[in-house]
Amino acid sequence: MEGIPLRAARRTDIPMLLLLWQQMMKEHAALDERLTPHPRAREHMLGNLQRWLNDADRQIVVAEEGRRLIVGFAAAVISGAPEWKTAARVGEITDCYVVVPRRRLGIGRRLVGRIQDQLLEKGVDRLRLLAAAANPGSQAFWTAIGWVPQEIVLEKPATDVAPGD
């Protein structure tokens, strides 16, 4: 949907970004209770957003409808790869969300394209992201735009581990 412009996030966007992030977390928690945010997650994310907007290694792009309503965003960070991996600079997409009524209109693809371009301009060697295993819609989106799995994270509750296991 070309009619919805993309732009860099601004300080005045923080309240709306926080609402969108909370909605994203709510959707994830509905799919897998292990993704339920901590009770103080909102305050934590508020602090993160305030810091991220001043961090040269962070990128946040928003899709803004009608010059007022943010209907999606993507965020990324640049970091060094673990020493055992070959890439020296990794661009990681940390968040990507589009409100439900605006999905399947190309907004997510455009947000990802813009954030990827910004990361590449900053000289990253590799791009990565994490997608929730319980979110097949998210996995289908990322696969459709050319992303492939690299690692699978396995988890179990500590209560399922017997002493000495």
C-alpha atoms as a PDB file:
ATOM      1  CA  MET A   1       0.000   0.000   0.000  1.00  0.00           C
ATOM      2  CA  GLU A   2       1.980   2.925  -1.317  1.00  0.00           C
ATOM      3  CA  GLY A   3      -0.450   5.503   0.130  1.00  0.00           C
ATOM      4  CA  ILE A   4       0.778   5.038   3.693  1.00  0.00           C
ATOM      5  CA  PRO A   5       4.115   6.808   4.082  1.00  0.00           C
ATOM      6  CA  LEU A   6       7.041   5.470   6.074  1.00  0.00           C
ATOM      7  CA  ARG A   7       9.309   7.667   8.157  1.00  0.00           C
ATOM      8  CA  ALA A   8      11.780   7.565  11.025  1.00  0.00           C
ATOM      9  CA  ALA A   9      10.166   7.461  14.443  1.00  0.00           C
ATOM     10  CA  ARG A  10      10.109  10.636  16.525  1.00  0.00           C
ATOM     11  CA  ARG A  11       9.823  11.274  20.259  1.00  0.00           C
ATOM     12  CA  THR A  12       6.187  12.257  19.820  1.00  0.00           C
ATOM     13  CA  ASP A  13       5.522   8.729  18.474  1.00  0.00           C
ATOM     14  CA  ILE A  14       6.494   7.012  21.717  1.00  0.00           C
ATOM     15  CA  PRO A  15       2.956   6.740  23.177  1.00  0.00           C
ATOM     16  CA  MET A  16       1.613   5.168  19.974  1.00  0.00           C
ATOM     17  CA  LEU A  17       4.662   2.904  19.575  1.00  0.00           C
ATOM     18  CA  LEU A  18       4.152   1.713  23.127  1.00  0.00           C
ATOM     19  CA  LEU A  19       0.479   0.918  22.418  1.00  0.00           C
ATOM     20  CA  LEU A  20       1.398  -0.998  19.262  1.00  0.00           C
ATOM     21  CA  TRP A  21       4.133  -2.896  21.110  1.00  0.00           C
ATOM     22  CA  GLN A  22       1.652  -3.834  23.849  1.00  0.00           C
ATOM     23  CA  GLN A  23      -0.820  -5.073  21.228  1.00  0.00           C
ATOM     24  CA  MET A  24       1.943  -7.148  19.613  1.00  0.00           C
ATOM     25  CA  MET A  25       2.795  -8.663  22.997  1.00  0.00           C
ATOM     26  CA  LYS A  26      -0.885  -9.378  23.678  1.00  0.00           C
ATOM     27  CA  GLU A  27      -1.156 -11.232  20.355  1.00  0.00           C
ATOM     28  CA  HIS A  28       1.965 -13.265  21.154  1.00  0.00           C
ATOM     29  CA  ALA A  29       0.751 -14.110  24.666  1.00  0.00           C
ATOM     30  CA  ALA A  30      -2.547 -15.368  23.201  1.00  0.00           C
ATOM     31  CA  LEU A  31      -0.549 -17.789  21.045  1.00  0.00           C
ATOM     32  CA  ASP A  32       1.847 -18.943  23.775  1.00  0.00           C
ATOM     33  CA  GLU A  33       1.522 -18.047  27.452  1.00  0.00           C
ATOM     34  CA  ARG A  34       5.326 -18.171  27.797  1.00  0.00           C
ATOM     35  CA  LEU A  35       5.380 -14.961  25.739  1.00  0.00           C
ATOM     36  CA  THR A  36       3.275 -13.104  28.302  1.00  0.00           C
ATOM     37  CA  PRO A  37       5.146  -9.940  29.253  1.00  0.00           C
ATOM     38  CA  HIS A  38       6.264  -9.227  32.792  1.00  0.00           C
ATOM     39  CA  PRO A  39       3.905  -6.887  34.702  1.00  0.00           C
ATOM     40  CA  ARG A  40       6.477  -4.086  34.407  1.00  0.00           C
ATOM     41  CA  ALA A  41       7.207  -4.726  30.723  1.00  0.00           C
ATOM     42  CA  ARG A  42       5.348  -1.575  29.655  1.00  0.00           C
ATOM     43  CA  GLU A  43       7.597   0.647  31.773  1.00  0.00           C
ATOM     44  CA  HIS A  44      10.660  -1.229  30.572  1.00  0.00           C
ATOM     45  CA  MET A  45       9.667  -0.771  26.934  1.00  0.00           C
ATOM     46  CA  LEU A  46       8.877   2.900  27.504  1.00  0.00           C
ATOM     47  CA  GLY A  47      12.443   3.411  28.748  1.00  0.00           C
ATOM     48  CA  ASN A  48      13.790   1.408  25.817  1.00  0.00           C
ATOM     49  CA  LEU A  49      11.921   3.500  23.267  1.00  0.00           C
ATOM     50  CA  GLN A  50      13.186   6.714  24.835  1.00  0.00           C
ATOM     51  CA  ARG A  51      16.792   5.430  24.679  1.00  0.00           C
ATOM     52  CA  TRP A  52      16.458   3.864  21.233  1.00  0.00           C
ATOM     53  CA  LEU A  53      15.536   7.152  19.604  1.00  0.00           C
ATOM     54  CA  ASN A  54      18.911   8.574  20.687  1.00  0.00           C
ATOM     55  CA  ASP A  55      20.993   5.516  19.803  1.00  0.00           C
ATOM     56  CA  ALA A  56      22.859   5.530  16.468  1.00  0.00           C
ATOM     57  CA  ASP A  57      22.844   1.710  16.479  1.00  0.00           C
ATOM     58  CA  ARG A  58      19.030   1.597  16.705  1.00  0.00           C
ATOM     59  CA  GLN A  59      16.547   2.180  13.908  1.00  0.00           C
ATOM     60  CA  ILE A  60      12.777   2.608  14.225  1.00  0.00           C
ATOM     61  CA  VAL A  61      10.576   3.139  11.182  1.00  0.00           C
ATOM     62  CA  VAL A  62       6.844   3.845  11.354  1.00  0.00           C
ATOM     63  CA  ALA A  63       3.990   3.618   8.853  1.00  0.00           C
ATOM     64  CA  GLU A  64       1.810   6.661   9.384  1.00  0.00           C
ATOM     65  CA  GLU A  65      -1.676   6.889   7.957  1.00  0.00           C
ATOM     66  CA  GLY A  66      -3.220  10.310   7.514  1.00  0.00           C
ATOM     67  CA  ARG A  67      -0.321  12.179   9.157  1.00  0.00           C
ATOM     68  CA  ARG A  68      -1.455  11.138  12.606  1.00  0.00           C
ATOM     69  CA  LEU A  69      -2.157   7.443  12.990  1.00  0.00           C
ATOM     70  CA  ILE A  70       0.756   5.030  13.213  1.00  0.00           C
ATOM     71  CA  VAL A  71      -0.455   1.690  11.850  1.00  0.00           C
ATOM     72  CA  GLY A  72       2.823  -0.210  11.977  1.00  0.00           C
ATOM     73  CA  PHE A  73       6.458  -0.078  12.965  1.00  0.00           C
ATOM     74  CA  ALA A  74       9.720  -1.940  12.671  1.00  0.00           C
ATOM     75  CA  ALA A  75      12.719  -1.630  14.970  1.00  0.00           C
ATOM     76  CA  ALA A  76      16.263  -2.939  14.687  1.00  0.00           C
ATOM     77  CA  VAL A  77      19.617  -2.854  16.409  1.00  0.00           C
ATOM     78  CA  ILE A  78      23.182  -3.262  15.179  1.00  0.00           C
ATOM     79  CA  SER A  79      25.499  -5.369  17.271  1.00  0.00           C
ATOM     80  CA  GLY A  80      28.582  -7.514  16.989  1.00  0.00           C
ATOM     81  CA  ALA A  81      28.173 -11.186  16.236  1.00  0.00           C
ATOM     82  CA  PRO A  82      29.213 -13.768  18.818  1.00  0.00           C
ATOM     83  CA  GLU A  83      32.940 -14.402  18.505  1.00  0.00           C
ATOM     84  CA  TRP A  84      32.436 -17.874  17.065  1.00  0.00           C
ATOM     85  CA  LYS A  85      30.381 -16.573  14.119  1.00  0.00           C
ATOM     86  CA  THR A  86      31.916 -15.027  11.015  1.00  0.00           C
ATOM     87  CA  ALA A  87      29.777 -11.889  10.645  1.00  0.00           C
ATOM     88  CA  ALA A  88      31.301  -8.897  12.415  1.00  0.00           C
ATOM     89  CA  ARG A  89      28.232  -6.621  12.403  1.00  0.00           C
ATOM     90  CA  VAL A  90      24.726  -8.017  12.698  1.00  0.00           C
ATOM     91  CA  GLY A  91      21.548  -6.067  12.090  1.00  0.00           C
ATOM     92  CA  GLU A  92      18.756  -7.630  14.118  1.00  0.00           C
ATOM     93  CA  ILE A  93      15.127  -6.753  13.541  1.00  0.00           C
ATOM     94  CA  THR A  94      13.800  -6.727  17.085  1.00  0.00           C
ATOM     95  CA  ASP A  95      10.192  -5.761  16.434  1.00  0.00           C
ATOM     96  CA  CYS A  96       7.846  -5.591  13.468  1.00  0.00           C
ATOM     97  CA  TYR A  97       4.135  -5.031  13.822  1.00  0.00           C
ATOM     98  CA  VAL A  98       1.216  -3.875  11.693  1.00  0.00           C
ATOM     99  CA  VAL A  99      -2.268  -3.376  13.141  1.00  0.00           C
ATOM    100  CA  VAL A 100      -4.687  -6.132  12.174  1.00  0.00           C
ATOM    101  CA  PRO A 101      -6.954  -4.044   9.879  1.00  0.00           C
ATOM    102  CA  ARG A 102      -3.927  -2.958   7.808  1.00  0.00           C
ATOM    103  CA  ARG A 103      -2.295  -6.367   7.369  1.00  0.00           C
ATOM    104  CA  ARG A 104      -1.869  -7.957   3.946  1.00  0.00           C
ATOM    105  CA  LEU A 105      -1.572  -4.556   2.287  1.00  0.00           C
ATOM    106  CA  GLY A 106       2.220  -4.597   1.888  1.00  0.00           C
ATOM    107  CA  ILE A 107       2.940  -2.333   4.862  1.00  0.00           C
ATOM    108  CA  GLY A 108       4.987  -4.970   6.687  1.00  0.00           C
ATOM    109  CA  ARG A 109       7.064  -5.676   3.578  1.00  0.00           C
ATOM    110  CA  ARG A 110       7.732  -1.970   3.130  1.00  0.00           C
ATOM    111  CA  LEU A 111       8.680  -1.500   6.790  1.00  0.00           C
ATOM    112  CA  VAL A 112      11.093  -4.431   6.609  1.00  0.00           C
ATOM    113  CA  GLY A 113      12.514  -3.187   3.304  1.00  0.00           C
ATOM    114  CA  ARG A 114      13.180   0.251   4.777  1.00  0.00           C
ATOM    115  CA  ILE A 115      14.743  -1.078   7.975  1.00  0.00           C
ATOM    116  CA  GLN A 116      16.906  -3.515   5.979  1.00  0.00           C
ATOM    117  CA  ASP A 117      18.106  -0.653   3.764  1.00  0.00           C
ATOM    118  CA  GLN A 118      19.028   1.380   6.841  1.00  0.00           C
ATOM    119  CA  LEU A 119      20.923  -1.531   8.356  1.00  0.00           C
ATOM    120  CA  LEU A 120      22.807  -2.176   5.119  1.00  0.00           C
ATOM    121  CA  GLU A 121      23.702   1.527   4.857  1.00  0.00           C
ATOM    122  CA  LYS A 122      25.252   1.189   8.316  1.00  0.00           C
ATOM    123  CA  GLY A 123      27.464  -1.643   7.091  1.00  0.00           C
ATOM    124  CA  VAL A 124      25.983  -4.774   8.612  1.00  0.00           C
ATOM    125  CA  ASP A 125      27.288  -8.097   7.353  1.00  0.00           C
ATOM    126  CA  ARG A 126      24.242 -10.159   8.300  1.00  0.00           C
ATOM    127  CA  LEU A 127      20.562  -9.665   9.131  1.00  0.00           C
ATOM    128  CA  ARG A 128      18.690 -11.680  11.701  1.00  0.00           C
ATOM    129  CA  LEU A 129      15.502 -11.798  13.740  1.00  0.00           C
ATOM    130  CA  LEU A 130      13.599 -14.017  16.124  1.00  0.00           C
ATOM    131  CA  ALA A 131      10.079 -15.215  15.300  1.00  0.00           C
ATOM    132  CA  ALA A 132       7.840 -16.890  17.839  1.00  0.00           C
ATOM    133  CA  ALA A 133       7.463 -20.615  17.189  1.00  0.00           C
ATOM    134  CA  ALA A 134       3.767 -20.367  18.106  1.00  0.00           C
ATOM    135  CA  ASN A 135       3.105 -17.660  15.513  1.00  0.00           C
ATOM    136  CA  PRO A 136       2.672 -19.334  12.116  1.00  0.00           C
ATOM    137  CA  GLY A 137       1.455 -16.076  10.556  1.00  0.00           C
ATOM    138  CA  SER A 138       4.698 -14.358  11.489  1.00  0.00           C
ATOM    139  CA  GLN A 139       6.782 -17.254  10.228  1.00  0.00           C
ATOM    140  CA  ALA A 140       4.864 -17.296   6.936  1.00  0.00           C
ATOM    141  CA  PHE A 141       5.421 -13.536   6.514  1.00  0.00           C
ATOM    142  CA  TRP A 142       9.178 -13.768   7.083  1.00  0.00           C
ATOM    143  CA  THR A 143       9.537 -16.838   4.861  1.00  0.00           C
ATOM    144  CA  ALA A 144       7.555 -15.154   2.078  1.00  0.00           C
ATOM    145  CA  ILE A 145      10.027 -12.261   2.008  1.00  0.00           C
ATOM    146  CA  GLY A 146      13.087 -14.486   1.847  1.00  0.00           C
ATOM    147  CA  TRP A 147      14.118 -15.168   5.431  1.00  0.00           C
ATOM    148  CA  VAL A 148      15.168 -18.719   6.344  1.00  0.00           C
ATOM    149  CA  PRO A 149      15.636 -20.401   9.729  1.00  0.00           C
ATOM    150  CA  GLN A 150      19.163 -20.537  11.059  1.00  0.00           C
ATOM    151  CA  GLU A 151      18.693 -21.794  14.626  1.00  0.00           C
ATOM    152  CA  ILE A 152      15.902 -23.406  16.590  1.00  0.00           C
ATOM    153  CA  VAL A 153      15.662 -22.466  20.256  1.00  0.00           C
ATOM    154  CA  LEU A 154      14.406 -25.287  22.453  1.00  0.00           C
ATOM    155  CA  GLU A 155      13.000 -24.700  25.912  1.00  0.00           C
ATOM    156  CA  LYS A 156      11.448 -26.516  28.841  1.00  0.00           C
ATOM    157  CA  PRO A 157      10.387 -25.406  32.312  1.00  0.00           C
ATOM    158  CA  ALA A 158      13.003 -25.797  35.028  1.00  0.00           C
ATOM    159  CA  THR A 159      10.362 -27.650  37.054  1.00  0.00           C
ATOM    160  CA  ASP A 160      10.580 -30.480  34.507  1.00  0.00           C
ATOM    161  CA  VAL A 161      14.238 -31.059  35.286  1.00  0.00           C
ATOM    162  CA  ALA A 162      14.994 -33.615  37.969  1.00  0.00           C
ATOM    163  CA  PRO A 163      18.091 -33.081  40.117  1.00  0.00           C
ATOM    164  CA  GLY A 164      21.076 -34.749  38.506  1.00  0.00           C
ATOM    165  CA  ASP A 165      19.584 -34.685  34.987  1.00  0.00           C
END
